[in-house]
Amino acid sequence: VVPESVDALEAGILEVLDADTRSPNLIARQYAEQHLEKSIVLE
């Protein structure tokens, strides 16, 4: 969402809350495994 906007931040939070937040975000997890894994980046 655009920065420095209370309206945008509130709308973004509510939109995410409408989703299934109790299940993991697999897109985020997969990105971390593929691009940010500590052992790979440090090597």
Full PDB file with SEQRES, HELIX, SHEET, SSBOND, CRYST1, ORIGX, SCALE, CONECT and MASTER records, all heavy atoms in Angstrom:
SEQRES   1 A   43  VAL VAL PRO GLU SER VAL ASP ALA LEU GLU ALA GLY ILE          
SEQRES   2 A   43  LEU GLU VAL LEU ASP ALA ASP THR ARG SER PRO ASN LEU          
SEQRES   3 A   43  ILE ALA ARG GLN TYR ALA GLU GLN HIS LEU GLU LYS SER          
SEQRES   4 A   43  ILE VAL LEU GLU                                              
HELIX    1 AA1 VAL A    6  LEU A   17  1                                  12    
HELIX    2 AA2 LEU A   26  HIS A   35  1                                  10    
HELIX    3 AA3 LYS A   38  LEU A   42  1                                   5    
CRYST1    1.000    1.000    1.000  90.00  90.00  90.00 P 1           1          
ORIGX1      1.000000  0.000000  0.000000        0.00000                         
ORIGX2      0.000000  1.000000  0.000000        0.00000                         
ORIGX3      0.000000  0.000000  1.000000        0.00000                         
SCALE1      1.000000  0.000000  0.000000        0.00000                         
SCALE2      0.000000  1.000000  0.000000        0.00000                         
SCALE3      0.000000  0.000000  1.000000        0.00000                         
ATOM      1  N   VAL A   1       0.850  -1.191   0.000  1.00  0.00           N  
ATOM      2  CA  VAL A   1       0.000   0.000   0.000  1.00  0.00           C  
ATOM      3  C   VAL A   1       0.885   1.240   0.000  1.00  0.00           C  
ATOM      4  O   VAL A   1       2.058   1.183   0.383  1.00  0.00           O  
ATOM      5  CB  VAL A   1      -0.935   0.018   1.232  1.00  0.00           C  
ATOM      6  CG1 VAL A   1      -1.811  -1.236   1.250  1.00  0.00           C  
ATOM      7  CG2 VAL A   1      -0.149   0.142   2.534  1.00  0.00           C  
ATOM      8  N   VAL A   2       0.318   2.354  -0.426  1.00  0.00           N  
ATOM      9  CA  VAL A   2       1.104   3.592  -0.495  1.00  0.00           C  
ATOM     10  C   VAL A   2       1.502   4.015   0.912  1.00  0.00           C  
ATOM     11  O   VAL A   2       0.743   3.825   1.872  1.00  0.00           O  
ATOM     12  CB  VAL A   2       0.318   4.718  -1.194  1.00  0.00           C  
ATOM     13  CG1 VAL A   2       0.034   4.363  -2.641  1.00  0.00           C  
ATOM     14  CG2 VAL A   2      -0.962   5.038  -0.446  1.00  0.00           C  
ATOM     15  N   PRO A   3       2.691   4.578   1.077  1.00  0.00           N  
ATOM     16  CA  PRO A   3       3.136   5.006   2.407  1.00  0.00           C  
ATOM     17  C   PRO A   3       2.459   6.290   2.859  1.00  0.00           C  
ATOM     18  O   PRO A   3       1.877   7.030   2.060  1.00  0.00           O  
ATOM     19  CB  PRO A   3       4.650   5.214   2.216  1.00  0.00           C  
ATOM     20  CG  PRO A   3       4.805   5.524   0.767  1.00  0.00           C  
ATOM     21  CD  PRO A   3       3.726   4.769   0.048  1.00  0.00           C  
ATOM     22  N   GLU A   4       2.525   6.520   4.168  1.00  0.00           N  
ATOM     23  CA  GLU A   4       2.065   7.761   4.801  1.00  0.00           C  
ATOM     24  C   GLU A   4       0.586   8.024   4.535  1.00  0.00           C  
ATOM     25  O   GLU A   4       0.161   9.160   4.345  1.00  0.00           O  
ATOM     26  CB  GLU A   4       2.920   8.952   4.339  1.00  0.00           C  
ATOM     27  CG  GLU A   4       4.392   8.786   4.674  1.00  0.00           C  
ATOM     28  CD  GLU A   4       5.235   9.974   4.277  1.00  0.00           C  
ATOM     29  OE1 GLU A   4       4.663  11.040   3.967  1.00  0.00           O  
ATOM     30  OE2 GLU A   4       6.471   9.858   4.278  1.00  0.00           O  
ATOM     31  N   SER A   5      -0.227   6.958   4.525  1.00  0.00           N  
ATOM     32  CA  SER A   5      -1.674   7.083   4.334  1.00  0.00           C  
ATOM     33  C   SER A   5      -2.373   6.175   5.335  1.00  0.00           C  
ATOM     34  O   SER A   5      -2.245   4.949   5.262  1.00  0.00           O  
ATOM     35  CB  SER A   5      -2.068   6.705   2.910  1.00  0.00           C  
ATOM     36  OG  SER A   5      -3.483   6.567   2.802  1.00  0.00           O  
ATOM     37  N   VAL A   6      -3.112   6.771   6.253  1.00  0.00           N  
ATOM     38  CA  VAL A   6      -3.858   5.980   7.230  1.00  0.00           C  
ATOM     39  C   VAL A   6      -4.928   5.154   6.527  1.00  0.00           C  
ATOM     40  O   VAL A   6      -5.141   3.975   6.842  1.00  0.00           O  
ATOM     41  CB  VAL A   6      -4.485   6.896   8.292  1.00  0.00           C  
ATOM     42  CG1 VAL A   6      -5.287   6.079   9.301  1.00  0.00           C  
ATOM     43  CG2 VAL A   6      -3.412   7.700   9.011  1.00  0.00           C  
ATOM     44  N   ASP A   7      -5.601   5.759   5.544  1.00  0.00           N  
ATOM     45  CA  ASP A   7      -6.654   5.043   4.816  1.00  0.00           C  
ATOM     46  C   ASP A   7      -6.098   3.801   4.120  1.00  0.00           C  
ATOM     47  O   ASP A   7      -6.678   2.711   4.203  1.00  0.00           O  
ATOM     48  CB  ASP A   7      -7.301   5.961   3.772  1.00  0.00           C  
ATOM     49  CG  ASP A   7      -8.125   7.075   4.398  1.00  0.00           C  
ATOM     50  OD1 ASP A   7      -8.523   6.923   5.570  1.00  0.00           O  
ATOM     51  OD2 ASP A   7      -8.362   8.094   3.723  1.00  0.00           O  
ATOM     52  N   ALA A   8      -4.970   3.968   3.419  1.00  0.00           N  
ATOM     53  CA  ALA A   8      -4.393   2.850   2.672  1.00  0.00           C  
ATOM     54  C   ALA A   8      -3.907   1.757   3.608  1.00  0.00           C  
ATOM     55  O   ALA A   8      -4.098   0.559   3.350  1.00  0.00           O  
ATOM     56  CB  ALA A   8      -3.246   3.346   1.789  1.00  0.00           C  
ATOM     57  N   LEU A   9      -3.271   2.148   4.709  1.00  0.00           N  
ATOM     58  CA  LEU A   9      -2.755   1.153   5.652  1.00  0.00           C  
ATOM     59  C   LEU A   9      -3.898   0.387   6.308  1.00  0.00           C  
ATOM     60  O   LEU A   9      -3.834  -0.848   6.430  1.00  0.00           O  
ATOM     61  CB  LEU A   9      -1.901   1.845   6.712  1.00  0.00           C  
ATOM     62  CG  LEU A   9      -1.235   0.939   7.751  1.00  0.00           C  
ATOM     63  CD1 LEU A   9      -0.362  -0.121   7.082  1.00  0.00           C  
ATOM     64  CD2 LEU A   9      -0.401   1.762   8.728  1.00  0.00           C  
ATOM     65  N   GLU A  10      -4.938   1.082   6.685  1.00  0.00           N  
ATOM     66  CA  GLU A  10      -6.091   0.410   7.292  1.00  0.00           C  
ATOM     67  C   GLU A  10      -6.746  -0.551   6.304  1.00  0.00           C  
ATOM     68  O   GLU A  10      -7.056  -1.698   6.645  1.00  0.00           O  
ATOM     69  CB  GLU A  10      -7.121   1.434   7.770  1.00  0.00           C  
ATOM     70  CG  GLU A  10      -8.344   0.798   8.425  1.00  0.00           C  
ATOM     71  CD  GLU A  10      -9.378   1.826   8.841  1.00  0.00           C  
ATOM     72  OE1 GLU A  10      -9.465   2.895   8.184  1.00  0.00           O  
ATOM     73  OE2 GLU A  10     -10.101   1.573   9.812  1.00  0.00           O  
ATOM     74  N   ALA A  11      -6.920  -0.101   5.066  1.00  0.00           N  
ATOM     75  CA  ALA A  11      -7.535  -0.962   4.053  1.00  0.00           C  
ATOM     76  C   ALA A  11      -6.686  -2.196   3.792  1.00  0.00           C  
ATOM     77  O   ALA A  11      -7.210  -3.313   3.633  1.00  0.00           O  
ATOM     78  CB  ALA A  11      -7.744  -0.178   2.758  1.00  0.00           C  
ATOM     79  N   GLY A  12      -5.365  -2.027   3.744  1.00  0.00           N  
ATOM     80  CA  GLY A  12      -4.481  -3.160   3.515  1.00  0.00           C  
ATOM     81  C   GLY A  12      -4.552  -4.173   4.645  1.00  0.00           C  
ATOM     82  O   GLY A  12      -4.597  -5.392   4.412  1.00  0.00           O  
ATOM     83  N   ILE A  13      -4.564  -3.687   5.881  1.00  0.00           N  
ATOM     84  CA  ILE A  13      -4.648  -4.584   7.038  1.00  0.00           C  
ATOM     85  C   ILE A  13      -5.965  -5.354   7.023  1.00  0.00           C  
ATOM     86  O   ILE A  13      -6.003  -6.580   7.235  1.00  0.00           O  
ATOM     87  CB  ILE A  13      -4.487  -3.785   8.350  1.00  0.00           C  
ATOM     88  CG1 ILE A  13      -3.046  -3.271   8.483  1.00  0.00           C  
ATOM     89  CG2 ILE A  13      -4.873  -4.631   9.556  1.00  0.00           C  
ATOM     90  CD1 ILE A  13      -2.846  -2.303   9.636  1.00  0.00           C  
ATOM     91  N   LEU A  14      -7.052  -4.663   6.751  1.00  0.00           N  
ATOM     92  CA  LEU A  14      -8.356  -5.327   6.744  1.00  0.00           C  
ATOM     93  C   LEU A  14      -8.456  -6.343   5.610  1.00  0.00           C  
ATOM     94  O   LEU A  14      -9.062  -7.414   5.775  1.00  0.00           O  
ATOM     95  CB  LEU A  14      -9.465  -4.278   6.620  1.00  0.00           C  
ATOM     96  CG  LEU A  14      -9.618  -3.336   7.816  1.00  0.00           C  
ATOM     97  CD1 LEU A  14     -10.712  -2.313   7.557  1.00  0.00           C  
ATOM     98  CD2 LEU A  14      -9.916  -4.122   9.099  1.00  0.00           C  
ATOM     99  N   GLU A  15      -7.849  -6.037   4.476  1.00  0.00           N  
ATOM    100  CA  GLU A  15      -7.876  -6.984   3.356  1.00  0.00           C  
ATOM    101  C   GLU A  15      -7.130  -8.265   3.700  1.00  0.00           C  
ATOM    102  O   GLU A  15      -7.587  -9.369   3.384  1.00  0.00           O  
ATOM    103  CB  GLU A  15      -7.276  -6.338   2.113  1.00  0.00           C  
ATOM    104  CG  GLU A  15      -7.344  -7.235   0.875  1.00  0.00           C  
ATOM    105  CD  GLU A  15      -7.002  -6.507  -0.409  1.00  0.00           C  
ATOM    106  OE1 GLU A  15      -7.040  -5.260  -0.411  1.00  0.00           O  
ATOM    107  OE2 GLU A  15      -6.710  -7.189  -1.405  1.00  0.00           O  
ATOM    108  N   VAL A  16      -5.988  -8.122   4.347  1.00  0.00           N  
ATOM    109  CA  VAL A  16      -5.241  -9.317   4.750  1.00  0.00           C  
ATOM    110  C   VAL A  16      -6.003 -10.096   5.811  1.00  0.00           C  
ATOM    111  O   VAL A  16      -6.048 -11.337   5.789  1.00  0.00           O  
ATOM    112  CB  VAL A  16      -3.838  -8.933   5.256  1.00  0.00           C  
ATOM    113  CG1 VAL A  16      -3.116 -10.152   5.828  1.00  0.00           C  
ATOM    114  CG2 VAL A  16      -3.013  -8.331   4.124  1.00  0.00           C  
ATOM    115  N   LEU A  17      -6.637  -9.399   6.750  1.00  0.00           N  
ATOM    116  CA  LEU A  17      -7.404 -10.077   7.792  1.00  0.00           C  
ATOM    117  C   LEU A  17      -8.581 -10.855   7.228  1.00  0.00           C  
ATOM    118  O   LEU A  17      -9.028 -11.836   7.829  1.00  0.00           O  
ATOM    119  CB  LEU A  17      -7.894  -9.062   8.832  1.00  0.00           C  
ATOM    120  CG  LEU A  17      -6.848  -8.538   9.813  1.00  0.00           C  
ATOM    121  CD1 LEU A  17      -7.416  -7.442  10.685  1.00  0.00           C  
ATOM    122  CD2 LEU A  17      -6.308  -9.672  10.673  1.00  0.00           C  
ATOM    123  N   ASP A  18      -9.081 -10.428   6.092  1.00  0.00           N  
ATOM    124  CA  ASP A  18     -10.188 -11.153   5.455  1.00  0.00           C  
ATOM    125  C   ASP A  18      -9.742 -12.483   4.868  1.00  0.00           C  
ATOM    126  O   ASP A  18     -10.561 -13.337   4.555  1.00  0.00           O  
ATOM    127  CB  ASP A  18     -10.820 -10.294   4.347  1.00  0.00           C  
ATOM    128  CG  ASP A  18     -11.687  -9.172   4.917  1.00  0.00           C  
ATOM    129  OD1 ASP A  18     -12.084  -9.296   6.095  1.00  0.00           O  
ATOM    130  OD2 ASP A  18     -11.926  -8.191   4.206  1.00  0.00           O  
ATOM    131  N   ALA A  19      -8.419 -12.652   4.697  1.00  0.00           N  
ATOM    132  CA  ALA A  19      -7.887 -13.904   4.157  1.00  0.00           C  
ATOM    133  C   ALA A  19      -7.692 -14.911   5.290  1.00  0.00           C  
ATOM    134  O   ALA A  19      -7.973 -14.637   6.456  1.00  0.00           O  
ATOM    135  CB  ALA A  19      -6.568 -13.645   3.433  1.00  0.00           C  
ATOM    136  N   ASP A  20      -7.178 -16.089   4.949  1.00  0.00           N  
ATOM    137  CA  ASP A  20      -6.920 -17.137   5.938  1.00  0.00           C  
ATOM    138  C   ASP A  20      -5.545 -16.911   6.554  1.00  0.00           C  
ATOM    139  O   ASP A  20      -4.556 -17.501   6.130  1.00  0.00           O  
ATOM    140  CB  ASP A  20      -6.998 -18.514   5.267  1.00  0.00           C  
ATOM    141  CG  ASP A  20      -6.724 -19.643   6.254  1.00  0.00           C  
ATOM    142  OD1 ASP A  20      -6.764 -19.387   7.471  1.00  0.00           O  
ATOM    143  OD2 ASP A  20      -6.466 -20.772   5.805  1.00  0.00           O  
ATOM    144  N   THR A  21      -5.500 -16.057   7.569  1.00  0.00           N  
ATOM    145  CA  THR A  21      -4.209 -15.711   8.157  1.00  0.00           C  
ATOM    146  C   THR A  21      -3.676 -16.798   9.091  1.00  0.00           C  
ATOM    147  O   THR A  21      -2.535 -16.730   9.540  1.00  0.00           O  
ATOM    148  CB  THR A  21      -4.296 -14.392   8.937  1.00  0.00           C  
ATOM    149  OG1 THR A  21      -5.284 -14.508   9.965  1.00  0.00           O  
ATOM    150  CG2 THR A  21      -4.672 -13.251   7.998  1.00  0.00           C  
ATOM    151  N   ARG A  22      -4.487 -17.785   9.415  1.00  0.00           N  
ATOM    152  CA  ARG A  22      -4.023 -18.861  10.294  1.00  0.00           C  
ATOM    153  C   ARG A  22      -3.240 -19.927   9.520  1.00  0.00           C  
ATOM    154  O   ARG A  22      -2.608 -20.793  10.122  1.00  0.00           O  
ATOM    155  CB  ARG A  22      -5.223 -19.496  11.017  1.00  0.00           C  
ATOM    156  CG  ARG A  22      -5.933 -18.512  11.969  1.00  0.00           C  
ATOM    157  CD  ARG A  22      -5.010 -18.098  13.115  1.00  0.00           C  
ATOM    158  NE  ARG A  22      -5.499 -16.968  13.890  1.00  0.00           N  
ATOM    159  CZ  ARG A  22      -6.275 -17.087  14.969  1.00  0.00           C  
ATOM    160  NH1 ARG A  22      -6.674 -18.276  15.374  1.00  0.00           N  
ATOM    161  NH2 ARG A  22      -6.654 -16.015  15.626  1.00  0.00           N  
ATOM    162  N   SER A  23      -3.298 -19.882   8.194  1.00  0.00           N  
ATOM    163  CA  SER A  23      -2.483 -20.769   7.363  1.00  0.00           C  
ATOM    164  C   SER A  23      -1.285 -19.982   6.836  1.00  0.00           C  
ATOM    165  O   SER A  23      -1.399 -18.785   6.573  1.00  0.00           O  
ATOM    166  CB  SER A  23      -3.300 -21.318   6.193  1.00  0.00           C  
ATOM    167  OG  SER A  23      -4.398 -22.097   6.658  1.00  0.00           O  
ATOM    168  N   PRO A  24      -0.132 -20.627   6.669  1.00  0.00           N  
ATOM    169  CA  PRO A  24       1.052 -19.883   6.218  1.00  0.00           C  
ATOM    170  C   PRO A  24       0.928 -19.382   4.790  1.00  0.00           C  
ATOM    171  O   PRO A  24       0.254 -19.993   3.952  1.00  0.00           O  
ATOM    172  CB  PRO A  24       2.183 -20.914   6.351  1.00  0.00           C  
ATOM    173  CG  PRO A  24       1.507 -22.242   6.287  1.00  0.00           C  
ATOM    174  CD  PRO A  24       0.171 -22.051   6.923  1.00  0.00           C  
ATOM    175  N   ASN A  25       1.590 -18.283   4.533  1.00  0.00           N  
ATOM    176  CA  ASN A  25       1.688 -17.728   3.183  1.00  0.00           C  
ATOM    177  C   ASN A  25       2.785 -18.497   2.457  1.00  0.00           C  
ATOM    178  O   ASN A  25       3.978 -18.238   2.633  1.00  0.00           O  
ATOM    179  CB  ASN A  25       2.021 -16.236   3.258  1.00  0.00           C  
ATOM    180  CG  ASN A  25       2.089 -15.573   1.893  1.00  0.00           C  
ATOM    181  OD1 ASN A  25       2.221 -16.235   0.871  1.00  0.00           O  
ATOM    182  ND2 ASN A  25       2.026 -14.254   1.883  1.00  0.00           N  
ATOM    183  N   LEU A  26       2.386 -19.462   1.631  1.00  0.00           N  
ATOM    184  CA  LEU A  26       3.352 -20.350   0.991  1.00  0.00           C  
ATOM    185  C   LEU A  26       4.188 -19.626  -0.059  1.00  0.00           C  
ATOM    186  O   LEU A  26       5.322 -20.025  -0.333  1.00  0.00           O  
ATOM    187  CB  LEU A  26       2.624 -21.536   0.360  1.00  0.00           C  
ATOM    188  CG  LEU A  26       1.871 -22.442   1.351  1.00  0.00           C  
ATOM    189  CD1 LEU A  26       1.194 -23.592   0.621  1.00  0.00           C  
ATOM    190  CD2 LEU A  26       2.826 -22.969   2.427  1.00  0.00           C  
ATOM    191  N   ILE A  27       3.650 -18.562  -0.651  1.00  0.00           N  
ATOM    192  CA  ILE A  27       4.422 -17.786  -1.631  1.00  0.00           C  
ATOM    193  C   ILE A  27       5.606 -17.115  -0.932  1.00  0.00           C  
ATOM    194  O   ILE A  27       6.739 -17.128  -1.430  1.00  0.00           O  
ATOM    195  CB  ILE A  27       3.526 -16.738  -2.312  1.00  0.00           C  
ATOM    196  CG1 ILE A  27       2.389 -17.428  -3.076  1.00  0.00           C  
ATOM    197  CG2 ILE A  27       4.339 -15.854  -3.256  1.00  0.00           C  
ATOM    198  CD1 ILE A  27       1.351 -16.464  -3.620  1.00  0.00           C  
ATOM    199  N   ALA A  28       5.346 -16.539   0.252  1.00  0.00           N  
ATOM    200  CA  ALA A  28       6.407 -15.895   1.023  1.00  0.00           C  
ATOM    201  C   ALA A  28       7.451 -16.918   1.459  1.00  0.00           C  
ATOM    202  O   ALA A  28       8.656 -16.685   1.345  1.00  0.00           O  
ATOM    203  CB  ALA A  28       5.807 -15.185   2.230  1.00  0.00           C  
ATOM    204  N   ARG A  29       6.983 -18.053   1.969  1.00  0.00           N  
ATOM    205  CA  ARG A  29       7.902 -19.085   2.443  1.00  0.00           C  
ATOM    206  C   ARG A  29       8.787 -19.601   1.309  1.00  0.00           C  
ATOM    207  O   ARG A  29       9.999 -19.770   1.469  1.00  0.00           O  
ATOM    208  CB  ARG A  29       7.107 -20.240   3.056  1.00  0.00           C  
ATOM    209  CG  ARG A  29       7.942 -21.464   3.442  1.00  0.00           C  
ATOM    210  CD  ARG A  29       8.930 -21.160   4.538  1.00  0.00           C  
ATOM    211  NE  ARG A  29       9.768 -22.330   4.840  1.00  0.00           N  
ATOM    212  CZ  ARG A  29      10.721 -22.363   5.760  1.00  0.00           C  
ATOM    213  NH1 ARG A  29      10.973 -21.277   6.467  1.00  0.00           N  
ATOM    214  NH2 ARG A  29      11.420 -23.449   5.972  1.00  0.00           N  
ATOM    215  N   GLN A  30       8.205 -19.844   0.155  1.00  0.00           N  
ATOM    216  CA  GLN A  30       8.979 -20.356  -0.971  1.00  0.00           C  
ATOM    217  C   GLN A  30      10.025 -19.352  -1.420  1.00  0.00           C  
ATOM    218  O   GLN A  30      11.169 -19.716  -1.748  1.00  0.00           O  
ATOM    219  CB  GLN A  30       8.045 -20.703  -2.133  1.00  0.00           C  
ATOM    220  CG  GLN A  30       8.740 -21.364  -3.314  1.00  0.00           C  
ATOM    221  CD  GLN A  30       7.775 -21.740  -4.415  1.00  0.00           C  
ATOM    222  OE1 GLN A  30       6.834 -21.017  -4.721  1.00  0.00           O  
ATOM    223  NE2 GLN A  30       8.012 -22.887  -5.037  1.00  0.00           N  
ATOM    224  N   TYR A  31       9.670 -18.062  -1.418  1.00  0.00           N  
ATOM    225  CA  TYR A  31      10.639 -17.033  -1.793  1.00  0.00           C  
ATOM    226  C   TYR A  31      11.820 -17.042  -0.840  1.00  0.00           C  
ATOM    227  O   TYR A  31      12.988 -16.950  -1.264  1.00  0.00           O  
ATOM    228  CB  TYR A  31       9.971 -15.663  -1.796  1.00  0.00           C  
ATOM    229  CG  TYR A  31      10.910 -14.544  -2.202  1.00  0.00           C  
ATOM    230  CD1 TYR A  31      11.057 -14.185  -3.540  1.00  0.00           C  
ATOM    231  CD2 TYR A  31      11.670 -13.854  -1.243  1.00  0.00           C  
ATOM    232  CE1 TYR A  31      11.938 -13.169  -3.908  1.00  0.00           C  
ATOM    233  CE2 TYR A  31      12.545 -12.849  -1.618  1.00  0.00           C  
ATOM    234  CZ  TYR A  31      12.665 -12.511  -2.947  1.00  0.00           C  
ATOM    235  OH  TYR A  31      13.540 -11.513  -3.305  1.00  0.00           O  
ATOM    236  N   ALA A  32      11.551 -17.140   0.467  1.00  0.00           N  
ATOM    237  CA  ALA A  32      12.632 -17.160   1.447  1.00  0.00           C  
ATOM    238  C   ALA A  32      13.542 -18.362   1.234  1.00  0.00           C  
ATOM    239  O   ALA A  32      14.776 -18.249   1.308  1.00  0.00           O  
ATOM    240  CB  ALA A  32      12.049 -17.175   2.861  1.00  0.00           C  
ATOM    241  N   GLU A  33      12.975 -19.523   0.975  1.00  0.00           N  
ATOM    242  CA  GLU A  33      13.774 -20.731   0.767  1.00  0.00           C  
ATOM    243  C   GLU A  33      14.657 -20.615  -0.468  1.00  0.00           C  
ATOM    244  O   GLU A  33      15.808 -21.070  -0.474  1.00  0.00           O  
ATOM    245  CB  GLU A  33      12.866 -21.946   0.645  1.00  0.00           C  
ATOM    246  CG  GLU A  33      12.167 -22.321   1.944  1.00  0.00           C  
ATOM    247  CD  GLU A  33      11.184 -23.466   1.764  1.00  0.00           C  
ATOM    248  OE1 GLU A  33      10.623 -23.608   0.648  1.00  0.00           O  
ATOM    249  OE2 GLU A  33      10.966 -24.217   2.721  1.00  0.00           O  
ATOM    250  N   GLN A  34      14.126 -20.015  -1.516  1.00  0.00           N  
ATOM    251  CA  GLN A  34      14.845 -19.972  -2.795  1.00  0.00           C  
ATOM    252  C   GLN A  34      15.856 -18.835  -2.877  1.00  0.00           C  
ATOM    253  O   GLN A  34      16.885 -18.964  -3.559  1.00  0.00           O  
ATOM    254  CB  GLN A  34      13.840 -19.845  -3.945  1.00  0.00           C  
ATOM    255  CG  GLN A  34      12.963 -21.071  -4.131  1.00  0.00           C  
ATOM    256  CD  GLN A  34      11.964 -20.895  -5.257  1.00  0.00           C  
ATOM    257  OE1 GLN A  34      11.806 -19.801  -5.815  1.00  0.00           O  
ATOM    258  NE2 GLN A  34      11.255 -21.959  -5.591  1.00  0.00           N  
ATOM    259  N   HIS A  35      15.597 -17.718  -2.183  1.00  0.00           N  
ATOM    260  CA  HIS A  35      16.430 -16.524  -2.376  1.00  0.00           C  
ATOM    261  C   HIS A  35      17.164 -16.042  -1.127  1.00  0.00           C  
ATOM    262  O   HIS A  35      18.131 -15.280  -1.254  1.00  0.00           O  
ATOM    263  CB  HIS A  35      15.576 -15.369  -2.907  1.00  0.00           C  
ATOM    264  CG  HIS A  35      14.899 -15.650  -4.208  1.00  0.00           C  
ATOM    265  ND1 HIS A  35      15.557 -15.565  -5.419  1.00  0.00           N  
ATOM    266  CD2 HIS A  35      13.627 -16.036  -4.498  1.00  0.00           C  
ATOM    267  CE1 HIS A  35      14.717 -15.873  -6.398  1.00  0.00           C  
ATOM    268  NE2 HIS A  35      13.548 -16.163  -5.865  1.00  0.00           N  
ATOM    269  N   LEU A  36      16.730 -16.452   0.058  1.00  0.00           N  
ATOM    270  CA  LEU A  36      17.254 -15.830   1.278  1.00  0.00           C  
ATOM    271  C   LEU A  36      17.859 -16.813   2.259  1.00  0.00           C  
ATOM    272  O   LEU A  36      18.266 -16.397   3.357  1.00  0.00           O  
ATOM    273  CB  LEU A  36      16.124 -15.048   1.988  1.00  0.00           C  
ATOM    274  CG  LEU A  36      15.379 -14.000   1.159  1.00  0.00           C  
ATOM    275  CD1 LEU A  36      14.247 -13.403   1.974  1.00  0.00           C  
ATOM    276  CD2 LEU A  36      16.324 -12.915   0.669  1.00  0.00           C  
ATOM    277  N   GLU A  37      17.935 -18.085   1.924  1.00  0.00           N  
ATOM    278  CA  GLU A  37      18.436 -19.088   2.857  1.00  0.00           C  
ATOM    279  C   GLU A  37      19.846 -18.730   3.333  1.00  0.00           C  
ATOM    280  O   GLU A  37      20.752 -18.493   2.543  1.00  0.00           O  
ATOM    281  CB  GLU A  37      18.416 -20.467   2.221  1.00  0.00           C  
ATOM    282  CG  GLU A  37      19.233 -21.528   2.930  1.00  0.00           C  
ATOM    283  CD  GLU A  37      18.906 -21.676   4.417  1.00  0.00           C  
ATOM    284  OE1 GLU A  37      17.730 -21.509   4.786  1.00  0.00           O  
ATOM    285  OE2 GLU A  37      19.833 -21.930   5.188  1.00  0.00           O  
ATOM    286  N   LYS A  38      20.004 -18.695   4.635  1.00  0.00           N  
ATOM    287  CA  LYS A  38      21.227 -18.220   5.271  1.00  0.00           C  
ATOM    288  C   LYS A  38      22.479 -18.932   4.770  1.00  0.00           C  
ATOM    289  O   LYS A  38      23.472 -18.279   4.408  1.00  0.00           O  
ATOM    290  CB  LYS A  38      21.103 -18.376   6.786  1.00  0.00           C  
ATOM    291  CG  LYS A  38      22.327 -17.943   7.573  1.00  0.00           C  
ATOM    292  CD  LYS A  38      22.094 -18.143   9.068  1.00  0.00           C  
ATOM    293  CE  LYS A  38      23.327 -17.754   9.870  1.00  0.00           C  
ATOM    294  NZ  LYS A  38      23.098 -17.935  11.328  1.00  0.00           N  
ATOM    295  N   SER A  39      22.464 -20.252   4.750  1.00  0.00           N  
ATOM    296  CA  SER A  39      23.672 -20.996   4.384  1.00  0.00           C  
ATOM    297  C   SER A  39      24.097 -20.698   2.954  1.00  0.00           C  
ATOM    298  O   SER A  39      25.292 -20.564   2.662  1.00  0.00           O  
ATOM    299  CB  SER A  39      23.440 -22.499   4.555  1.00  0.00           C  
ATOM    300  OG  SER A  39      22.361 -22.951   3.737  1.00  0.00           O  
ATOM    301  N   ILE A  40      23.128 -20.522   2.056  1.00  0.00           N  
ATOM    302  CA  ILE A  40      23.439 -20.271   0.644  1.00  0.00           C  
ATOM    303  C   ILE A  40      23.986 -18.853   0.461  1.00  0.00           C  
ATOM    304  O   ILE A  40      25.005 -18.643  -0.206  1.00  0.00           O  
ATOM    305  CB  ILE A  40      22.193 -20.496  -0.226  1.00  0.00           C  
ATOM    306  CG1 ILE A  40      21.756 -21.962  -0.151  1.00  0.00           C  
ATOM    307  CG2 ILE A  40      22.458 -20.093  -1.675  1.00  0.00           C  
ATOM    308  CD1 ILE A  40      20.445 -22.247  -0.855  1.00  0.00           C  
ATOM    309  N   VAL A  41      23.305 -17.856   1.056  1.00  0.00           N  
ATOM    310  CA  VAL A  41      23.721 -16.463   0.881  1.00  0.00           C  
ATOM    311  C   VAL A  41      25.081 -16.221   1.531  1.00  0.00           C  
ATOM    312  O   VAL A  41      25.951 -15.556   0.959  1.00  0.00           O  
ATOM    313  CB  VAL A  41      22.665 -15.504   1.459  1.00  0.00           C  
ATOM    314  CG1 VAL A  41      23.135 -14.052   1.320  1.00  0.00           C  
ATOM    315  CG2 VAL A  41      21.329 -15.676   0.763  1.00  0.00           C  
ATOM    316  N   LEU A  42      25.297 -16.779   2.720  1.00  0.00           N  
ATOM    317  CA  LEU A  42      26.580 -16.578   3.390  1.00  0.00           C  
ATOM    318  C   LEU A  42      27.719 -17.252   2.637  1.00  0.00           C  
ATOM    319  O   LEU A  42      28.834 -16.716   2.563  1.00  0.00           O  
ATOM    320  CB  LEU A  42      26.509 -17.105   4.822  1.00  0.00           C  
ATOM    321  CG  LEU A  42      25.870 -16.156   5.837  1.00  0.00           C  
ATOM    322  CD1 LEU A  42      25.749 -16.820   7.199  1.00  0.00           C  
ATOM    323  CD2 LEU A  42      26.656 -14.857   5.956  1.00  0.00           C  
ATOM    324  N   GLU A  43      27.465 -18.424   2.064  1.00  0.00           N  
ATOM    325  CA  GLU A  43      28.501 -19.075   1.257  1.00  0.00           C  
ATOM    326  C   GLU A  43      28.864 -18.209   0.054  1.00  0.00           C  
ATOM    327  O   GLU A  43      30.036 -18.068  -0.305  1.00  0.00           O  
ATOM    328  CB  GLU A  43      28.023 -20.447   0.794  1.00  0.00           C  
ATOM    329  CG  GLU A  43      29.076 -21.216  -0.008  1.00  0.00           C  
ATOM    330  CD  GLU A  43      28.602 -22.592  -0.431  1.00  0.00           C  
ATOM    331  OE1 GLU A  43      27.429 -22.933  -0.173  1.00  0.00           O  
ATOM    332  OE2 GLU A  43      29.409 -23.326  -1.032  1.00  0.00           O  
TER     333      GLU A  43                                                      
MASTER        0    0    0    3    0    0    0    6  332    1    0    4          
END                                                                             
